[in-house]
Amino acid sequence: MNRITYEGKQYEIPPKTIEVLKAEDACNAFHATHEEAYRAKFDYLKAVLTDEQIESMLGSADFEQVDLMEVLYIVNLIDDEYSKKTVEQLEKKLKTTFGTNGMKQFLDASKTVSSISAKK
């Protein structure tokens, strides 16, 4: 079961189905205005969460009444939860491939390359 934690309270979210994926795609698509972009993010929330959950989190299930930055934050929580198993799997593969110390060396080298690139 997938869960997000928002302001200390846990909320169950459904599995990532085609319906959720379509709402996510619409959320991530290019939008001509900020309002369209945030409306798509809110529609994504409505595809994943119940109106009761949205009201509990945002105080309203009405797009015109909610804090749009909180909408963005909750969308990010949902995305993180859906990708959690994949990230954990990747971390496990990295640890197996590089070992704990080898992975640290790899990340340190990556940071060094990034800092050199940033200076150019």
C-alpha atoms as a PDB file:
ATOM      1  CA  MET A   1       0.000   0.000   0.000  1.00  0.00           C
ATOM      2  CA  ASN A   2       1.247   3.469  -0.867  1.00  0.00           C
ATOM      3  CA  ARG A   3       1.111   6.226   1.742  1.00  0.00           C
ATOM      4  CA  ILE A   4       2.157   9.844   1.966  1.00  0.00           C
ATOM      5  CA  THR A   5       2.671  11.820   5.146  1.00  0.00           C
ATOM      6  CA  TYR A   6       1.484  15.416   5.152  1.00  0.00           C
ATOM      7  CA  GLU A   7       1.733  17.573   8.268  1.00  0.00           C
ATOM      8  CA  GLY A   8       2.178  14.506  10.456  1.00  0.00           C
ATOM      9  CA  LYS A   9      -0.860  12.653   9.130  1.00  0.00           C
ATOM     10  CA  GLN A  10      -0.708   9.633   6.816  1.00  0.00           C
ATOM     11  CA  TYR A  11      -2.892   9.311   3.745  1.00  0.00           C
ATOM     12  CA  GLU A  12      -3.269   6.189   1.640  1.00  0.00           C
ATOM     13  CA  ILE A  13      -2.959   6.643  -2.091  1.00  0.00           C
ATOM     14  CA  PRO A  14      -4.036   4.136  -4.737  1.00  0.00           C
ATOM     15  CA  PRO A  15      -1.726   2.087  -6.931  1.00  0.00           C
ATOM     16  CA  LYS A  16      -0.337   3.892  -9.963  1.00  0.00           C
ATOM     17  CA  THR A  17      -2.871   2.837 -12.590  1.00  0.00           C
ATOM     18  CA  ILE A  18      -3.313   4.044 -16.174  1.00  0.00           C
ATOM     19  CA  GLU A  19      -5.847   6.612 -14.926  1.00  0.00           C
ATOM     20  CA  VAL A  20      -3.293   8.004 -12.461  1.00  0.00           C
ATOM     21  CA  LEU A  21      -0.575   7.896 -15.122  1.00  0.00           C
ATOM     22  CA  LYS A  22      -2.723   9.915 -17.555  1.00  0.00           C
ATOM     23  CA  ALA A  23      -3.378  12.534 -14.865  1.00  0.00           C
ATOM     24  CA  GLU A  24       0.358  12.613 -14.094  1.00  0.00           C
ATOM     25  CA  ASP A  25       1.180  13.070 -17.787  1.00  0.00           C
ATOM     26  CA  ALA A  26      -1.280  15.970 -18.001  1.00  0.00           C
ATOM     27  CA  CYS A  27       0.255  17.419 -14.831  1.00  0.00           C
ATOM     28  CA  ASN A  28       3.765  17.287 -16.303  1.00  0.00           C
ATOM     29  CA  ALA A  29       2.851  18.504 -19.794  1.00  0.00           C
ATOM     30  CA  PHE A  30       3.657  22.014 -21.008  1.00  0.00           C
ATOM     31  CA  HIS A  31       1.004  24.595 -20.118  1.00  0.00           C
ATOM     32  CA  ALA A  32       0.681  28.078 -21.603  1.00  0.00           C
ATOM     33  CA  THR A  33      -0.069  29.722 -18.258  1.00  0.00           C
ATOM     34  CA  HIS A  34       0.755  29.172 -14.618  1.00  0.00           C
ATOM     35  CA  GLU A  35      -2.942  28.798 -13.878  1.00  0.00           C
ATOM     36  CA  GLU A  36      -3.252  25.952 -16.386  1.00  0.00           C
ATOM     37  CA  ALA A  37      -0.184  24.271 -14.898  1.00  0.00           C
ATOM     38  CA  TYR A  38      -1.501  24.460 -11.327  1.00  0.00           C
ATOM     39  CA  ARG A  39      -4.976  23.389 -12.422  1.00  0.00           C
ATOM     40  CA  ALA A  40      -3.399  20.274 -14.003  1.00  0.00           C
ATOM     41  CA  LYS A  41      -1.517  19.596 -10.752  1.00  0.00           C
ATOM     42  CA  PHE A  42      -4.771  19.944  -8.821  1.00  0.00           C
ATOM     43  CA  ASP A  43      -6.503  17.577 -11.259  1.00  0.00           C
ATOM     44  CA  TYR A  44      -3.678  15.098 -10.603  1.00  0.00           C
ATOM     45  CA  LEU A  45      -4.405  15.373  -6.865  1.00  0.00           C
ATOM     46  CA  LYS A  46      -8.079  14.720  -7.569  1.00  0.00           C
ATOM     47  CA  ALA A  47      -7.146  11.601  -9.563  1.00  0.00           C
ATOM     48  CA  VAL A  48      -5.053  10.253  -6.679  1.00  0.00           C
ATOM     49  CA  LEU A  49      -6.784  11.543  -3.539  1.00  0.00           C
ATOM     50  CA  THR A  50     -10.392  11.620  -2.401  1.00  0.00           C
ATOM     51  CA  ASP A  51     -12.152  14.953  -1.877  1.00  0.00           C
ATOM     52  CA  GLU A  52     -12.115  14.205   1.858  1.00  0.00           C
ATOM     53  CA  GLN A  53      -8.332  13.755   1.807  1.00  0.00           C
ATOM     54  CA  ILE A  54      -7.858  16.958  -0.201  1.00  0.00           C
ATOM     55  CA  GLU A  55     -10.110  18.900   2.181  1.00  0.00           C
ATOM     56  CA  SER A  56      -8.206  17.511   5.158  1.00  0.00           C
ATOM     57  CA  MET A  57      -4.893  18.607   3.655  1.00  0.00           C
ATOM     58  CA  LEU A  58      -5.801  21.874   1.968  1.00  0.00           C
ATOM     59  CA  GLY A  59      -8.946  22.974   3.780  1.00  0.00           C
ATOM     60  CA  SER A  60     -10.964  22.788   0.561  1.00  0.00           C
ATOM     61  CA  ALA A  61     -11.413  20.611  -2.509  1.00  0.00           C
ATOM     62  CA  ASP A  62     -12.091  23.745  -4.590  1.00  0.00           C
ATOM     63  CA  PHE A  63      -9.185  24.803  -6.820  1.00  0.00           C
ATOM     64  CA  GLU A  64     -10.013  28.490  -6.345  1.00  0.00           C
ATOM     65  CA  GLN A  65      -9.630  28.207  -2.550  1.00  0.00           C
ATOM     66  CA  VAL A  66      -6.407  26.236  -2.074  1.00  0.00           C
ATOM     67  CA  ASP A  67      -2.794  27.304  -1.531  1.00  0.00           C
ATOM     68  CA  LEU A  68      -1.146  26.425  -4.838  1.00  0.00           C
ATOM     69  CA  MET A  69       2.280  25.953  -3.272  1.00  0.00           C
ATOM     70  CA  GLU A  70       0.788  23.288  -1.006  1.00  0.00           C
ATOM     71  CA  VAL A  71      -0.710  21.635  -4.094  1.00  0.00           C
ATOM     72  CA  LEU A  72       2.778  21.497  -5.628  1.00  0.00           C
ATOM     73  CA  TYR A  73       4.245  20.123  -2.391  1.00  0.00           C
ATOM     74  CA  ILE A  74       1.632  17.338  -2.186  1.00  0.00           C
ATOM     75  CA  VAL A  75       2.153  16.447  -5.866  1.00  0.00           C
ATOM     76  CA  ASN A  76       5.864  16.044  -5.097  1.00  0.00           C
ATOM     77  CA  LEU A  77       5.055  13.833  -2.075  1.00  0.00           C
ATOM     78  CA  ILE A  78       2.908  11.616  -4.290  1.00  0.00           C
ATOM     79  CA  ASP A  79       5.570  11.394  -6.999  1.00  0.00           C
ATOM     80  CA  ASP A  80       8.196  10.498  -4.389  1.00  0.00           C
ATOM     81  CA  GLU A  81       5.983   7.746  -2.969  1.00  0.00           C
ATOM     82  CA  TYR A  82       5.275   6.233  -6.384  1.00  0.00           C
ATOM     83  CA  SER A  83       8.993   6.159  -7.247  1.00  0.00           C
ATOM     84  CA  LYS A  84      10.160   4.948  -3.799  1.00  0.00           C
ATOM     85  CA  LYS A  85      10.421   1.237  -4.685  1.00  0.00           C
ATOM     86  CA  THR A  86      12.336   1.993  -7.873  1.00  0.00           C
ATOM     87  CA  VAL A  87      14.764   4.259  -6.018  1.00  0.00           C
ATOM     88  CA  GLU A  88      15.280   1.635  -3.301  1.00  0.00           C
ATOM     89  CA  GLN A  89      15.947  -0.983  -5.978  1.00  0.00           C
ATOM     90  CA  LEU A  90      18.522   1.283  -7.662  1.00  0.00           C
ATOM     91  CA  GLU A  91      20.245   2.013  -4.338  1.00  0.00           C
ATOM     92  CA  LYS A  92      20.462  -1.715  -3.638  1.00  0.00           C
ATOM     93  CA  LYS A  93      22.008  -2.346  -7.064  1.00  0.00           C
ATOM     94  CA  LEU A  94      24.526   0.458  -6.517  1.00  0.00           C
ATOM     95  CA  LYS A  95      25.519  -0.930  -3.119  1.00  0.00           C
ATOM     96  CA  THR A  96      25.891  -4.401  -4.613  1.00  0.00           C
ATOM     97  CA  THR A  97      27.952  -3.088  -7.522  1.00  0.00           C
ATOM     98  CA  PHE A  98      30.148  -0.580  -5.703  1.00  0.00           C
ATOM     99  CA  GLY A  99      29.856  -1.605  -2.060  1.00  0.00           C
ATOM    100  CA  THR A 100      29.234   1.000   0.617  1.00  0.00           C
ATOM    101  CA  ASN A 101      32.725   2.519   0.366  1.00  0.00           C
ATOM    102  CA  GLY A 102      32.827   2.277  -3.434  1.00  0.00           C
ATOM    103  CA  MET A 103      29.504   4.045  -3.713  1.00  0.00           C
ATOM    104  CA  LYS A 104      30.798   6.888  -1.514  1.00  0.00           C
ATOM    105  CA  GLN A 105      33.871   7.221  -3.737  1.00  0.00           C
ATOM    106  CA  PHE A 106      31.658   7.265  -6.827  1.00  0.00           C
ATOM    107  CA  LEU A 107      29.439   9.998  -5.359  1.00  0.00           C
ATOM    108  CA  ASP A 108      32.477  12.024  -4.234  1.00  0.00           C
ATOM    109  CA  ALA A 109      33.946  11.811  -7.747  1.00  0.00           C
ATOM    110  CA  SER A 110      30.601  12.878  -9.211  1.00  0.00           C
ATOM    111  CA  LYS A 111      30.479  15.909  -6.890  1.00  0.00           C
ATOM    112  CA  THR A 112      34.031  16.841  -7.904  1.00  0.00           C
ATOM    113  CA  VAL A 113      33.154  16.711 -11.600  1.00  0.00           C
ATOM    114  CA  SER A 114      30.015  18.780 -10.948  1.00  0.00           C
ATOM    115  CA  SER A 115      31.966  21.443  -9.062  1.00  0.00           C
ATOM    116  CA  ILE A 116      34.611  21.640 -11.819  1.00  0.00           C
ATOM    117  CA  SER A 117      31.863  21.962 -14.450  1.00  0.00           C
ATOM    118  CA  ALA A 118      30.151  24.699 -12.437  1.00  0.00           C
ATOM    119  CA  LYS A 119      33.355  26.758 -12.324  1.00  0.00           C
ATOM    120  CA  LYS A 120      33.645  26.895 -16.128  1.00  0.00           C
END
